Amino acid sequence: MNFEIPAGLTDLLQEFTVAVLREKPPDLVQFAADYFTKLNESSGGVSGVPNMEKKGVSFAGNGSDEAMQTDSDDEPPMEPPPNRFARRKSVSAERYDPEADEDDSDEKVIYPKSDEQRQRLSNAVKNILLFRSLDSEQMQEVIDAMFERKVTPTEHVIDQGDDGDNFYVIDSGMYDIFVEIDNKPKCVGSYDNQGSFGELALMYNMPRAATIVATTEGNLWAMDRSTFRRIVLKNAYNKRKMYENLLENVPMLNSINSYERMNIADALFPKTFKDGEQVIKQGDEAFCMYFVEEGECRVTVTQGEDTDEVEVTRVQKGGYFGELALVTHKPRAASVYAVGGTKLAVLDVDAFERLLGPCMDIMKRNVSNYEDQLVEIFGSKTNLTDMR
């Protein structure tokens, strides 16, 4: 019997879990049936996940992709899904309710660290997709809450079937992933000095789905179960709720349904800019679009190298920019600068192409509107099909 994770399963399970946490359905089976029916009708399935060869199964988080999506070799592998026929050990029936749980009443967990330790931990977590949507203050809380664990060769970090206690980020060392198949342990992947594991047992409140064994001396950073759920899961819930409210006020997105808007919200991640800082440079290649979460941005264009920039418009909270360069696949034809402290929600090109298909016709129609604006400014027709 060969153990193989179907492509797309990781994304599918993550999206469904966040939906359950958000909706809290009384009938989980009926909710699942409705959820996957809508998914099939609206998107025809989910995107694939990276090759798992010699890596185990990759955690595709970005975004519901979400919030967690991925196209990088630096993605942290995750625990393979559990064997549904294996004998389960005891599991608490703890229910996590992001709305009912109040972070302000919880005492923050802080493990003192030297500057060298904090730097190593910062380097270890910077590519962890689970933390992608956290702002700088939340990332500092993550770093404060993690503690160091040293391991030796042959040491079992976690064992399949055990209750989940900690989430682990690899600082150094090599580790093999074993799954029991037909009552025999089989190595299904490995970690080489980077990655993370242990999140599924904490997210799904299930036993460990794999055994992780150190093959060399190494160093891990760990976060306990309650802190992980409070910081990571509640942040994912709050992030989705905040971005859904933001997207509801974007006219371009009026044509999409709530499920499509939810997926876009999960794919967004925050980025802050200081007053006067350049967000987009005219002539650069386009990799993402932006929604203004807080603050304001000014859009400028030039007609040549020796001409001054001319401000053509300003984009305020609830507005968006950067989409037309992604539609036309041409370089940026305008520059954008932050006005005051500005916070933007970013949607990368992969998520844009996957999630904004229903809005593509609207965005293409906007091309002529932008060119008309330039006629008023420069007095002649200017080819600015990707002005934004």
Protein backbone atom coordinates (compact mmCIF):
# COMPACT_ATOMS: atom_id res chain seq x y z
CA MET A 1 0.00 0.00 0.00
CA ASN A 2 1.63 3.26 -1.14
CA PHE A 3 1.08 6.40 0.93
CA GLU A 4 0.50 9.41 -1.34
CA ILE A 5 -1.12 12.74 -0.51
CA PRO A 6 -3.37 13.89 -3.39
CA ALA A 7 -2.39 17.23 -4.89
CA GLY A 8 -4.46 20.06 -3.39
CA LEU A 9 -5.47 18.23 -0.22
CA THR A 10 -3.43 20.52 2.05
CA ASP A 11 -5.05 23.70 0.72
CA LEU A 12 -8.49 22.11 0.83
CA LEU A 13 -8.28 21.04 4.48
CA GLN A 14 -6.86 24.39 5.60
CA GLU A 15 -9.56 26.40 3.88
CA PHE A 16 -12.31 24.18 5.28
CA THR A 17 -10.91 24.39 8.82
CA VAL A 18 -10.84 28.19 8.80
CA ALA A 19 -14.40 28.22 7.41
CA VAL A 20 -15.57 25.96 10.27
CA LEU A 21 -13.86 28.19 12.88
CA ARG A 22 -15.53 31.21 11.35
CA GLU A 23 -19.07 29.88 10.87
CA LYS A 24 -19.30 27.48 13.87
CA PRO A 25 -21.96 25.35 12.14
CA PRO A 26 -24.28 23.25 14.34
CA ASP A 27 -24.31 20.46 11.72
CA LEU A 28 -20.71 19.92 10.61
CA VAL A 29 -21.59 17.23 8.04
CA GLN A 30 -24.20 19.38 6.31
CA PHE A 31 -21.88 22.38 6.41
CA ALA A 32 -19.12 20.30 4.80
CA ALA A 33 -21.49 19.13 2.06
CA ASP A 34 -22.60 22.69 1.29
CA TYR A 35 -19.04 24.02 1.49
CA PHE A 36 -17.54 21.58 -0.98
CA THR A 37 -20.51 21.84 -3.32
CA LYS A 38 -20.05 25.62 -3.51
CA LEU A 39 -16.30 25.17 -3.92
CA ASN A 40 -16.82 22.83 -6.84
CA GLU A 41 -19.36 25.13 -8.49
CA SER A 42 -17.44 28.37 -8.02
CA SER A 43 -13.82 27.38 -8.60
CA GLY A 44 -13.81 23.88 -10.01
CA GLY A 45 -11.42 22.74 -7.29
CA VAL A 46 -8.30 24.14 -5.59
CA SER A 47 -4.83 24.80 -6.84
CA GLY A 48 -2.18 22.15 -6.67
CA VAL A 49 0.58 21.98 -4.11
CA PRO A 50 4.34 21.74 -4.64
CA ASN A 51 6.15 18.49 -5.30
CA MET A 52 6.59 16.51 -2.10
CA GLU A 53 9.56 14.49 -3.34
CA LYS A 54 12.05 14.05 -0.52
CA LYS A 55 10.33 16.76 1.45
CA GLY A 56 7.25 15.19 2.85
CA VAL A 57 4.11 17.16 2.16
CA SER A 58 4.47 20.91 1.85
CA PHE A 59 2.31 23.19 3.94
CA ALA A 60 0.62 25.45 1.45
CA GLY A 61 -0.35 28.15 3.49
CA ASN A 62 -0.53 31.41 2.03
CA GLY A 63 -3.60 32.14 2.21
CA SER A 64 -6.63 30.41 2.21
CA ASP A 65 -4.49 29.83 0.33
CA GLU A 66 -5.05 31.30 2.59
CA ALA A 67 -4.53 32.42 3.79
CA MET A 68 -1.83 30.66 2.68
CA GLN A 69 -0.48 29.86 -0.67
CA THR A 70 2.90 28.92 -1.93
CA ASP A 71 5.28 28.59 -4.79
CA SER A 72 8.60 28.53 -3.00
CA ASP A 73 11.03 25.79 -2.06
CA ASP A 74 11.26 27.44 1.36
CA GLU A 75 7.76 26.38 2.33
CA PRO A 76 7.59 24.46 5.56
CA PRO A 77 6.49 20.84 5.15
CA MET A 78 3.64 19.70 7.31
CA GLU A 79 2.53 16.53 9.00
CA PRO A 80 0.84 14.11 6.59
CA PRO A 81 -2.86 13.57 7.25
CA PRO A 82 -3.73 10.92 9.82
CA ASN A 83 -4.53 7.33 9.01
CA ARG A 84 -8.30 7.27 9.59
CA PHE A 85 -8.19 3.55 10.38
CA ALA A 86 -5.42 3.76 12.98
CA ARG A 87 -6.25 3.43 16.67
CA ARG A 88 -6.49 6.87 18.21
CA LYS A 89 -5.16 7.86 21.58
CA SER A 90 -7.15 10.12 23.88
CA VAL A 91 -7.90 13.57 22.56
CA SER A 92 -9.46 16.40 24.52
CA ALA A 93 -12.65 17.79 23.08
CA GLU A 94 -11.40 21.34 23.48
CA ARG A 95 -13.36 23.79 21.35
CA TYR A 96 -11.62 26.92 20.13
CA ASP A 97 -13.94 29.87 19.63
CA PRO A 98 -12.01 32.89 18.26
CA GLU A 99 -14.91 35.26 18.92
CA ALA A 100 -15.48 34.18 22.52
CA ASP A 101 -11.80 34.00 23.47
CA GLU A 102 -10.48 37.31 24.74
CA ASP A 103 -6.74 37.77 24.24
CA ASP A 104 -6.65 40.81 26.51
CA SER A 105 -7.44 38.64 29.52
CA ASP A 106 -4.72 36.12 28.70
CA GLU A 107 -1.30 36.56 30.19
CA LYS A 108 1.34 36.81 27.46
CA VAL A 109 3.97 34.07 27.51
CA ILE A 110 7.54 35.39 27.43
CA TYR A 111 10.73 33.35 27.42
CA PRO A 112 13.80 35.59 27.92
CA LYS A 113 16.31 35.43 25.06
CA SER A 114 19.66 36.93 24.23
CA ASP A 115 20.04 39.20 21.20
CA GLU A 116 21.79 36.31 19.40
CA GLN A 117 18.91 33.94 20.13
CA ARG A 118 16.30 36.46 18.97
CA GLN A 119 18.20 36.97 15.73
CA ARG A 120 18.41 33.22 15.08
CA LEU A 121 14.73 32.80 15.83
CA SER A 122 13.80 35.73 13.58
CA ASN A 123 15.73 34.13 10.72
CA ALA A 124 14.07 30.76 11.37
CA VAL A 125 10.48 32.06 11.32
CA LYS A 126 10.70 34.64 8.53
CA ASN A 127 9.72 32.14 5.81
CA ILE A 128 7.05 30.29 7.81
CA LEU A 129 3.80 30.77 5.92
CA LEU A 130 1.70 30.41 9.06
CA PHE A 131 3.18 33.70 10.27
CA ARG A 132 2.89 35.52 6.96
CA SER A 133 -0.16 37.58 7.92
CA LEU A 134 1.16 38.66 11.34
CA ASP A 135 2.13 42.28 11.79
CA SER A 136 5.39 43.34 13.47
CA GLU A 137 3.85 43.47 16.95
CA GLN A 138 2.36 39.99 16.61
CA MET A 139 5.65 38.64 15.26
CA GLN A 140 7.41 39.96 18.36
CA GLU A 141 4.81 38.16 20.47
CA VAL A 142 5.57 34.95 18.57
CA ILE A 143 9.31 35.38 19.16
CA ASP A 144 8.73 36.11 22.86
CA ALA A 145 6.51 33.02 23.25
CA MET A 146 8.88 30.47 21.68
CA PHE A 147 11.39 28.51 23.71
CA GLU A 148 14.52 26.67 22.64
CA ARG A 149 14.85 22.88 22.55
CA LYS A 150 18.05 21.05 21.68
CA VAL A 151 17.85 17.56 20.17
CA THR A 152 20.28 14.68 19.68
CA PRO A 153 20.51 12.06 16.91
CA THR A 154 17.72 9.40 17.01
CA GLU A 155 15.64 11.52 19.40
CA HIS A 156 11.90 11.45 18.74
CA VAL A 157 10.61 15.02 18.71
CA ILE A 158 6.99 13.94 18.27
CA ASP A 159 5.38 10.51 17.89
CA GLN A 160 2.45 9.56 15.70
CA GLY A 161 -0.73 9.16 17.75
CA ASP A 162 0.37 11.36 20.66
CA ASP A 163 -1.62 14.42 21.67
CA GLY A 164 -0.25 17.66 20.24
CA ASP A 165 1.55 19.86 22.75
CA ASN A 166 3.89 22.14 20.79
CA PHE A 167 4.45 23.64 17.36
CA TYR A 168 8.09 23.50 16.21
CA VAL A 169 10.26 25.68 13.97
CA ILE A 170 13.61 24.28 12.87
CA ASP A 171 16.68 26.38 13.64
CA SER A 172 19.23 23.71 12.69
CA GLY A 173 19.59 19.97 12.18
CA MET A 174 18.13 17.24 9.96
CA TYR A 175 14.93 15.34 10.71
CA ASP A 176 13.09 12.40 9.11
CA ILE A 177 9.30 12.13 8.84
CA PHE A 178 7.82 8.68 9.50
CA VAL A 179 4.23 7.54 9.03
CA GLU A 180 2.97 4.13 10.14
CA ILE A 181 1.60 2.28 7.13
CA ASP A 182 0.45 -1.35 7.43
CA ASN A 183 1.84 -1.34 10.99
CA LYS A 184 5.31 -0.43 9.72
CA PRO A 185 7.01 3.00 9.93
CA LYS A 186 7.77 4.44 6.50
CA CYS A 187 9.95 7.49 5.88
CA VAL A 188 7.88 9.87 3.73
CA GLY A 189 10.11 12.94 3.81
CA SER A 190 12.73 14.93 5.66
CA TYR A 191 13.71 18.40 6.83
CA ASP A 192 17.16 19.89 6.22
CA ASN A 193 17.95 22.78 8.56
CA GLN A 194 14.68 24.64 7.88
CA GLY A 195 10.92 24.25 8.02
CA SER A 196 8.29 23.71 10.69
CA PHE A 197 6.00 20.93 11.88
CA GLY A 198 3.38 20.04 14.45
CA GLU A 199 0.74 22.57 13.45
CA LEU A 200 -1.97 20.19 12.27
CA ALA A 201 -2.48 18.46 15.61
CA LEU A 202 -2.94 21.89 17.22
CA MET A 203 -5.16 23.33 14.50
CA TYR A 204 -7.44 20.31 14.12
CA ASN A 205 -7.33 19.15 17.75
CA MET A 206 -6.21 15.69 16.63
CA PRO A 207 -3.38 13.29 17.52
CA ARG A 208 0.00 13.64 15.86
CA ALA A 209 -0.19 12.32 12.30
CA ALA A 210 3.51 11.52 11.95
CA THR A 211 6.67 10.76 13.88
CA ILE A 212 9.58 13.22 13.59
CA VAL A 213 13.04 11.81 14.40
CA ALA A 214 16.23 13.86 14.58
CA THR A 215 19.04 12.36 12.46
CA THR A 216 21.66 14.89 13.63
CA GLU A 217 22.17 17.20 16.54
CA GLY A 218 19.91 20.18 16.14
CA ASN A 219 18.06 23.07 17.62
CA LEU A 220 14.32 23.73 17.58
CA TRP A 221 12.09 26.61 18.62
CA ALA A 222 8.79 25.54 20.18
CA MET A 223 5.48 27.24 20.96
CA ASP A 224 2.96 25.68 23.31
CA ARG A 225 -0.54 24.70 22.20
CA SER A 226 -2.57 27.48 23.86
CA THR A 227 -0.22 30.24 22.68
CA PHE A 228 -0.21 28.88 19.14
CA ARG A 229 -4.00 28.82 18.98
CA ARG A 230 -4.34 32.27 20.56
CA ILE A 231 -1.81 34.01 18.30
CA VAL A 232 -1.99 32.10 15.03
CA LEU A 233 -5.57 30.83 14.80
CA LYS A 234 -7.28 33.86 16.29
CA ASN A 235 -5.16 36.15 14.13
CA ALA A 236 -6.22 34.19 11.03
CA TYR A 237 -9.85 34.60 12.06
CA ASN A 238 -9.53 38.31 12.80
CA LYS A 239 -7.54 38.90 9.62
CA ARG A 240 -10.21 37.30 7.47
CA LYS A 241 -13.00 39.23 9.18
CA MET A 242 -11.15 42.55 8.81
CA TYR A 243 -10.29 41.99 5.14
CA GLU A 244 -13.80 40.79 4.29
CA ASN A 245 -15.14 44.08 5.67
CA LEU A 246 -12.56 45.97 3.59
CA LEU A 247 -13.40 44.07 0.40
CA GLU A 248 -17.14 44.53 0.83
CA ASN A 249 -16.60 48.24 0.12
CA VAL A 250 -14.63 47.69 -3.09
CA PRO A 251 -17.03 48.29 -6.04
CA MET A 252 -15.01 46.06 -8.37
CA LEU A 253 -15.79 43.07 -6.14
CA ASN A 254 -19.56 43.53 -6.12
CA SER A 255 -19.90 40.80 -8.75
CA ILE A 256 -18.29 38.05 -6.66
CA ASN A 257 -20.02 35.91 -4.04
CA SER A 258 -19.21 35.72 -0.34
CA TYR A 259 -17.15 32.54 -0.70
CA GLU A 260 -14.95 34.13 -3.39
CA ARG A 261 -14.55 37.24 -1.26
CA MET A 262 -13.58 35.06 1.69
CA ASN A 263 -10.82 33.39 -0.35
CA ILE A 264 -9.46 36.78 -1.44
CA ALA A 265 -9.45 37.93 2.19
CA ASP A 266 -7.46 34.85 3.17
CA ALA A 267 -4.90 35.51 0.42
CA LEU A 268 -4.16 39.10 1.48
CA PHE A 269 -1.22 40.00 3.68
CA PRO A 270 -0.36 43.37 5.26
CA LYS A 271 2.50 45.70 4.40
CA THR A 272 3.18 49.14 5.90
CA PHE A 273 4.83 52.18 4.32
CA LYS A 274 6.16 55.42 5.78
CA ASP A 275 5.22 58.88 4.55
CA GLY A 276 6.66 59.45 1.09
CA GLU A 277 7.87 55.87 0.68
CA GLN A 278 7.51 54.48 -2.83
CA VAL A 279 5.10 51.58 -3.17
CA ILE A 280 5.26 51.10 -6.96
CA LYS A 281 7.86 52.43 -9.41
CA GLN A 282 6.90 53.29 -12.98
CA GLY A 283 8.51 50.83 -15.41
CA ASP A 284 8.95 48.00 -12.89
CA GLU A 285 7.55 44.53 -13.40
CA ALA A 286 4.25 43.87 -11.62
CA PHE A 287 4.04 41.13 -8.99
CA CYS A 288 1.00 42.17 -6.94
CA MET A 289 -1.89 44.59 -6.46
CA TYR A 290 -2.82 46.58 -3.38
CA PHE A 291 -5.89 47.52 -1.33
CA VAL A 292 -5.60 50.58 0.95
CA GLU A 293 -6.30 49.44 4.49
CA GLU A 294 -5.23 52.61 6.30
CA GLY A 295 -3.92 55.94 5.05
CA GLU A 296 -3.68 57.26 1.49
CA CYS A 297 -1.53 56.87 -1.63
CA ARG A 298 -0.80 59.28 -4.48
CA VAL A 299 -0.35 58.09 -8.06
CA THR A 300 2.11 59.89 -10.35
CA VAL A 301 3.27 59.46 -13.97
CA THR A 302 6.03 60.84 -16.18
CA GLN A 303 6.11 61.03 -19.99
CA GLY A 304 9.88 60.80 -20.28
CA GLU A 305 13.12 60.57 -18.35
CA ASP A 306 13.62 64.34 -18.31
CA THR A 307 10.06 65.25 -17.29
CA ASP A 308 8.74 65.81 -13.80
CA GLU A 309 6.27 63.48 -12.16
CA VAL A 310 2.66 64.59 -12.37
CA GLU A 311 0.13 63.51 -9.78
CA VAL A 312 -2.89 61.98 -11.51
CA THR A 313 -4.99 60.73 -8.61
CA ARG A 314 -5.06 59.69 -4.97
CA VAL A 315 -6.26 56.38 -3.58
CA GLN A 316 -7.83 56.43 -0.15
CA LYS A 317 -8.96 53.79 2.35
CA GLY A 318 -11.03 51.11 0.61
CA GLY A 319 -9.47 51.89 -2.76
CA TYR A 320 -7.08 49.72 -4.74
CA PHE A 321 -4.31 50.01 -7.31
CA GLY A 322 -1.81 47.89 -9.20
CA GLU A 323 -4.36 45.60 -10.84
CA LEU A 324 -4.11 46.69 -14.47
CA ALA A 325 -0.44 45.83 -14.88
CA LEU A 326 -1.40 42.31 -13.83
CA VAL A 327 -4.26 42.28 -16.34
CA THR A 328 -2.18 43.52 -19.27
CA HIS A 329 1.10 41.79 -18.27
CA LYS A 330 3.02 45.00 -18.93
CA PRO A 331 5.41 47.03 -16.72
CA ARG A 332 4.03 49.52 -14.25
CA ALA A 333 3.10 52.74 -16.03
CA ALA A 334 2.74 54.83 -12.89
CA SER A 335 4.48 55.36 -9.58
CA VAL A 336 2.68 55.24 -6.24
CA TYR A 337 3.77 56.85 -2.97
CA ALA A 338 2.44 56.61 0.57
CA VAL A 339 0.89 59.77 2.02
CA GLY A 340 1.50 59.64 5.75
CA GLY A 341 1.76 56.28 7.48
CA THR A 342 -0.02 53.83 5.19
CA LYS A 343 -1.03 50.20 5.61
CA LEU A 344 -1.82 48.18 2.49
CA ALA A 345 -3.28 44.72 1.96
CA VAL A 346 -1.27 42.93 -0.73
CA LEU A 347 -2.55 40.32 -3.20
CA ASP A 348 0.25 38.59 -5.11
CA VAL A 349 0.02 37.76 -8.79
CA ASP A 350 -0.67 34.03 -8.33
CA ALA A 351 -3.63 34.65 -6.03
CA PHE A 352 -4.79 37.49 -8.31
CA GLU A 353 -4.98 35.23 -11.35
CA ARG A 354 -6.63 32.42 -9.41
CA LEU A 355 -9.17 34.42 -7.41
CA LEU A 356 -10.13 37.50 -9.41
CA GLY A 357 -11.23 35.84 -12.64
CA PRO A 358 -14.87 36.98 -12.18
CA CYS A 359 -13.67 40.62 -12.04
CA MET A 360 -11.36 40.51 -15.06
CA ASP A 361 -13.85 42.05 -17.50
CA ILE A 362 -14.48 44.95 -15.12
CA MET A 363 -10.76 45.63 -14.77
CA LYS A 364 -10.26 45.54 -18.54
CA ARG A 365 -13.07 48.07 -19.00
CA ASN A 366 -11.29 50.38 -16.56
CA VAL A 367 -8.31 50.63 -18.92
CA SER A 368 -10.02 53.23 -21.13
CA ASN A 369 -11.09 55.23 -18.08
CA TYR A 370 -7.49 55.55 -16.93
CA GLU A 371 -6.33 56.63 -20.39
CA ASP A 372 -9.06 59.29 -20.49
CA GLN A 373 -7.70 60.72 -17.24
CA LEU A 374 -4.31 61.14 -18.88
CA VAL A 375 -5.80 62.90 -21.89
CA GLU A 376 -7.17 65.53 -19.50
CA ILE A 377 -3.76 65.91 -17.84
CA PHE A 378 -1.34 65.74 -20.79
CA GLY A 379 -3.66 66.86 -23.57
CA SER A 380 -2.99 63.83 -25.78
CA LYS A 381 -3.79 60.14 -25.90
CA THR A 382 -1.23 58.21 -23.89
CA ASN A 383 -0.90 54.47 -23.92
CA LEU A 384 -1.32 53.83 -20.23
CA THR A 385 -3.23 50.58 -20.26
CA ASP A 386 -1.39 49.54 -17.10
CA MET A 387 -1.31 52.92 -15.43
CA ARG A 388 -2.09 51.29 -12.12
